Amino acid sequence: MNEIVVNKATLLARMRANREAHHGIVLEAQAGFRAKVIERLDEMLELAANGQKIQLAVGLQMPEDHTDDYDTIIGMLELDINDTVELDQTQYKSWVQDQWGWQRSFTTSNSQYSPTAAKML
């Protein structure tokens, strides 16, 4: 089976739930990232105040955020005039099962700052 037809309202509900879960991880990772940046900057300030050599680069990877991918699909579905939507296998994996092509990179980068993302690894 390569394609299926799904109820648009059901798909929209799933997409919104997936978006909220994703965005929750993003917010958690951003807060964790800010805390680590502050910690690193405090260390750098202490080294500078003591006249020691400091590295100016903070050396932390920014958390990934793909919320706009969800927003794009949700927006398209909201504007679609049909009651059903045809999905292929790739769309089903991403939109319904929440297994996007960027999922591994997102989980890996955000797991440094988000306990929820770390559990997903």
C-alpha atoms as a PDB file:
ATOM      1  CA  MET A   1       0.000   0.000   0.000  1.00  0.00           C
ATOM      2  CA  ASN A   2       1.577   3.272  -1.122  1.00  0.00           C
ATOM      3  CA  GLU A   3      -1.188   5.773  -0.397  1.00  0.00           C
ATOM      4  CA  ILE A   4      -4.144   6.109   1.954  1.00  0.00           C
ATOM      5  CA  VAL A   5      -7.030   8.549   2.323  1.00  0.00           C
ATOM      6  CA  VAL A   6      -7.525   9.976   5.818  1.00  0.00           C
ATOM      7  CA  ASN A   7     -10.067  12.231   7.466  1.00  0.00           C
ATOM      8  CA  LYS A   8      -8.651  15.767   7.416  1.00  0.00           C
ATOM      9  CA  ALA A   9     -10.000  16.686  10.866  1.00  0.00           C
ATOM     10  CA  THR A  10      -8.347  13.608  12.374  1.00  0.00           C
ATOM     11  CA  LEU A  11      -5.080  14.394  10.612  1.00  0.00           C
ATOM     12  CA  LEU A  12      -5.200  18.016  11.776  1.00  0.00           C
ATOM     13  CA  ALA A  13      -5.736  16.919  15.373  1.00  0.00           C
ATOM     14  CA  ARG A  14      -2.732  14.568  15.145  1.00  0.00           C
ATOM     15  CA  MET A  15      -0.561  17.226  13.512  1.00  0.00           C
ATOM     16  CA  ARG A  16      -1.461  19.782  16.200  1.00  0.00           C
ATOM     17  CA  ALA A  17      -0.668  17.288  18.974  1.00  0.00           C
ATOM     18  CA  ASN A  18       2.650  16.387  17.331  1.00  0.00           C
ATOM     19  CA  ARG A  19       3.452  20.091  16.930  1.00  0.00           C
ATOM     20  CA  GLU A  20       2.754  20.811  20.587  1.00  0.00           C
ATOM     21  CA  ALA A  21       4.965  17.917  21.713  1.00  0.00           C
ATOM     22  CA  HIS A  22       7.750  19.083  19.377  1.00  0.00           C
ATOM     23  CA  HIS A  23       7.451  22.700  20.482  1.00  0.00           C
ATOM     24  CA  GLY A  24       7.506  21.640  24.138  1.00  0.00           C
ATOM     25  CA  ILE A  25      10.858  19.951  23.566  1.00  0.00           C
ATOM     26  CA  VAL A  26      12.101  23.068  21.764  1.00  0.00           C
ATOM     27  CA  LEU A  27      11.130  25.334  24.672  1.00  0.00           C
ATOM     28  CA  GLU A  28      12.724  22.943  27.169  1.00  0.00           C
ATOM     29  CA  ALA A  29      15.916  22.787  25.080  1.00  0.00           C
ATOM     30  CA  GLN A  30      16.049  26.564  24.670  1.00  0.00           C
ATOM     31  CA  ALA A  31      15.780  27.042  28.444  1.00  0.00           C
ATOM     32  CA  GLY A  32      18.500  24.431  29.014  1.00  0.00           C
ATOM     33  CA  PHE A  33      20.666  26.050  26.351  1.00  0.00           C
ATOM     34  CA  ARG A  34      20.320  29.493  27.969  1.00  0.00           C
ATOM     35  CA  ALA A  35      21.289  28.021  31.348  1.00  0.00           C
ATOM     36  CA  LYS A  36      24.404  26.398  29.860  1.00  0.00           C
ATOM     37  CA  VAL A  37      25.356  29.614  28.045  1.00  0.00           C
ATOM     38  CA  ILE A  38      25.050  31.590  31.282  1.00  0.00           C
ATOM     39  CA  GLU A  39      27.119  28.966  33.116  1.00  0.00           C
ATOM     40  CA  ARG A  40      29.800  29.077  30.423  1.00  0.00           C
ATOM     41  CA  LEU A  41      29.851  32.889  30.346  1.00  0.00           C
ATOM     42  CA  ASP A  42      30.177  32.995  34.141  1.00  0.00           C
ATOM     43  CA  GLU A  43      33.194  30.682  33.867  1.00  0.00           C
ATOM     44  CA  MET A  44      34.674  32.930  31.180  1.00  0.00           C
ATOM     45  CA  LEU A  45      34.099  36.052  33.298  1.00  0.00           C
ATOM     46  CA  GLU A  46      35.814  34.444  36.272  1.00  0.00           C
ATOM     47  CA  LEU A  47      38.814  33.497  34.152  1.00  0.00           C
ATOM     48  CA  ALA A  48      38.971  37.014  32.703  1.00  0.00           C
ATOM     49  CA  ALA A  49      38.656  38.633  36.150  1.00  0.00           C
ATOM     50  CA  ASN A  50      41.543  36.479  37.392  1.00  0.00           C
ATOM     51  CA  GLY A  51      43.696  37.420  34.403  1.00  0.00           C
ATOM     52  CA  GLN A  52      43.682  33.900  33.017  1.00  0.00           C
ATOM     53  CA  LYS A  53      43.504  32.884  29.389  1.00  0.00           C
ATOM     54  CA  ILE A  54      39.957  32.536  28.094  1.00  0.00           C
ATOM     55  CA  GLN A  55      38.436  31.113  24.962  1.00  0.00           C
ATOM     56  CA  LEU A  56      35.906  33.565  23.505  1.00  0.00           C
ATOM     57  CA  ALA A  57      33.784  30.917  21.795  1.00  0.00           C
ATOM     58  CA  VAL A  58      31.063  29.500  24.041  1.00  0.00           C
ATOM     59  CA  GLY A  59      31.224  26.182  22.171  1.00  0.00           C
ATOM     60  CA  LEU A  60      27.596  25.136  22.473  1.00  0.00           C
ATOM     61  CA  GLN A  61      25.347  23.895  19.681  1.00  0.00           C
ATOM     62  CA  MET A  62      22.054  25.777  19.314  1.00  0.00           C
ATOM     63  CA  PRO A  63      18.925  23.655  19.816  1.00  0.00           C
ATOM     64  CA  GLU A  64      17.030  22.786  16.632  1.00  0.00           C
ATOM     65  CA  ASP A  65      13.474  23.969  16.049  1.00  0.00           C
ATOM     66  CA  HIS A  66      11.286  22.572  13.261  1.00  0.00           C
ATOM     67  CA  THR A  67       7.995  24.003  14.508  1.00  0.00           C
ATOM     68  CA  ASP A  68       7.610  25.831  11.200  1.00  0.00           C
ATOM     69  CA  ASP A  69       7.457  22.474   9.371  1.00  0.00           C
ATOM     70  CA  TYR A  70       4.377  21.594  11.412  1.00  0.00           C
ATOM     71  CA  ASP A  71       2.915  25.078  10.932  1.00  0.00           C
ATOM     72  CA  THR A  72       3.289  24.841   7.157  1.00  0.00           C
ATOM     73  CA  ILE A  73       1.456  21.506   6.908  1.00  0.00           C
ATOM     74  CA  ILE A  74      -1.228  22.569   9.397  1.00  0.00           C
ATOM     75  CA  GLY A  75      -1.774  25.797   7.456  1.00  0.00           C
ATOM     76  CA  MET A  76      -2.082  23.916   4.182  1.00  0.00           C
ATOM     77  CA  LEU A  77      -4.569  21.459   5.677  1.00  0.00           C
ATOM     78  CA  GLU A  78      -6.632  24.273   7.182  1.00  0.00           C
ATOM     79  CA  LEU A  79      -6.949  25.925   3.783  1.00  0.00           C
ATOM     80  CA  ASP A  80      -7.714  22.710   1.904  1.00  0.00           C
ATOM     81  CA  ILE A  81     -11.404  22.507   0.937  1.00  0.00           C
ATOM     82  CA  ASN A  82     -11.632  18.704   1.044  1.00  0.00           C
ATOM     83  CA  ASP A  83     -12.778  16.607   4.011  1.00  0.00           C
ATOM     84  CA  THR A  84     -10.206  13.914   3.270  1.00  0.00           C
ATOM     85  CA  VAL A  85      -6.514  13.962   2.422  1.00  0.00           C
ATOM     86  CA  GLU A  86      -4.465  11.442   0.478  1.00  0.00           C
ATOM     87  CA  LEU A  87      -1.150  10.584   2.143  1.00  0.00           C
ATOM     88  CA  ASP A  88       1.785   8.677   0.758  1.00  0.00           C
ATOM     89  CA  GLN A  89       4.102   6.633   2.964  1.00  0.00           C
ATOM     90  CA  THR A  90       6.560   9.468   3.567  1.00  0.00           C
ATOM     91  CA  GLN A  91       3.826  11.913   4.533  1.00  0.00           C
ATOM     92  CA  TYR A  92       2.250   9.321   6.831  1.00  0.00           C
ATOM     93  CA  LYS A  93       5.567   8.691   8.618  1.00  0.00           C
ATOM     94  CA  SER A  94       6.157  12.421   9.112  1.00  0.00           C
ATOM     95  CA  TRP A  95       2.688  13.782   9.697  1.00  0.00           C
ATOM     96  CA  VAL A  96       1.038  10.921  11.576  1.00  0.00           C
ATOM     97  CA  GLN A  97       3.875   8.957  13.160  1.00  0.00           C
ATOM     98  CA  ASP A  98       5.974  12.100  13.779  1.00  0.00           C
ATOM     99  CA  GLN A  99       9.085  10.517  12.248  1.00  0.00           C
ATOM    100  CA  TRP A 100      10.529  13.289  10.091  1.00  0.00           C
ATOM    101  CA  GLY A 101      13.750  13.157   8.084  1.00  0.00           C
ATOM    102  CA  TRP A 102      15.330  15.603  10.534  1.00  0.00           C
ATOM    103  CA  GLN A 103      14.174  13.667  13.641  1.00  0.00           C
ATOM    104  CA  ARG A 104      17.553  12.155  14.555  1.00  0.00           C
ATOM    105  CA  SER A 105      19.413  15.458  14.210  1.00  0.00           C
ATOM    106  CA  PHE A 106      16.707  17.259  16.203  1.00  0.00           C
ATOM    107  CA  THR A 107      16.739  14.702  18.998  1.00  0.00           C
ATOM    108  CA  THR A 108      20.524  14.559  19.162  1.00  0.00           C
ATOM    109  CA  SER A 109      21.077  18.332  19.250  1.00  0.00           C
ATOM    110  CA  ASN A 110      18.264  19.003  21.724  1.00  0.00           C
ATOM    111  CA  SER A 111      19.101  16.084  24.026  1.00  0.00           C
ATOM    112  CA  GLN A 112      22.032  18.128  25.360  1.00  0.00           C
ATOM    113  CA  TYR A 113      19.547  20.545  26.939  1.00  0.00           C
ATOM    114  CA  SER A 114      16.186  18.748  27.121  1.00  0.00           C
ATOM    115  CA  PRO A 115      15.533  15.723  29.353  1.00  0.00           C
ATOM    116  CA  THR A 116      12.538  14.871  27.158  1.00  0.00           C
ATOM    117  CA  ALA A 117      14.686  14.766  24.017  1.00  0.00           C
ATOM    118  CA  ALA A 118      17.361  12.773  25.872  1.00  0.00           C
ATOM    119  CA  LYS A 119      14.771  10.084  26.696  1.00  0.00           C
ATOM    120  CA  MET A 120      13.958   9.806  22.982  1.00  0.00           C
ATOM    121  CA  LEU A 121      17.494   8.710  22.075  1.00  0.00           C
END
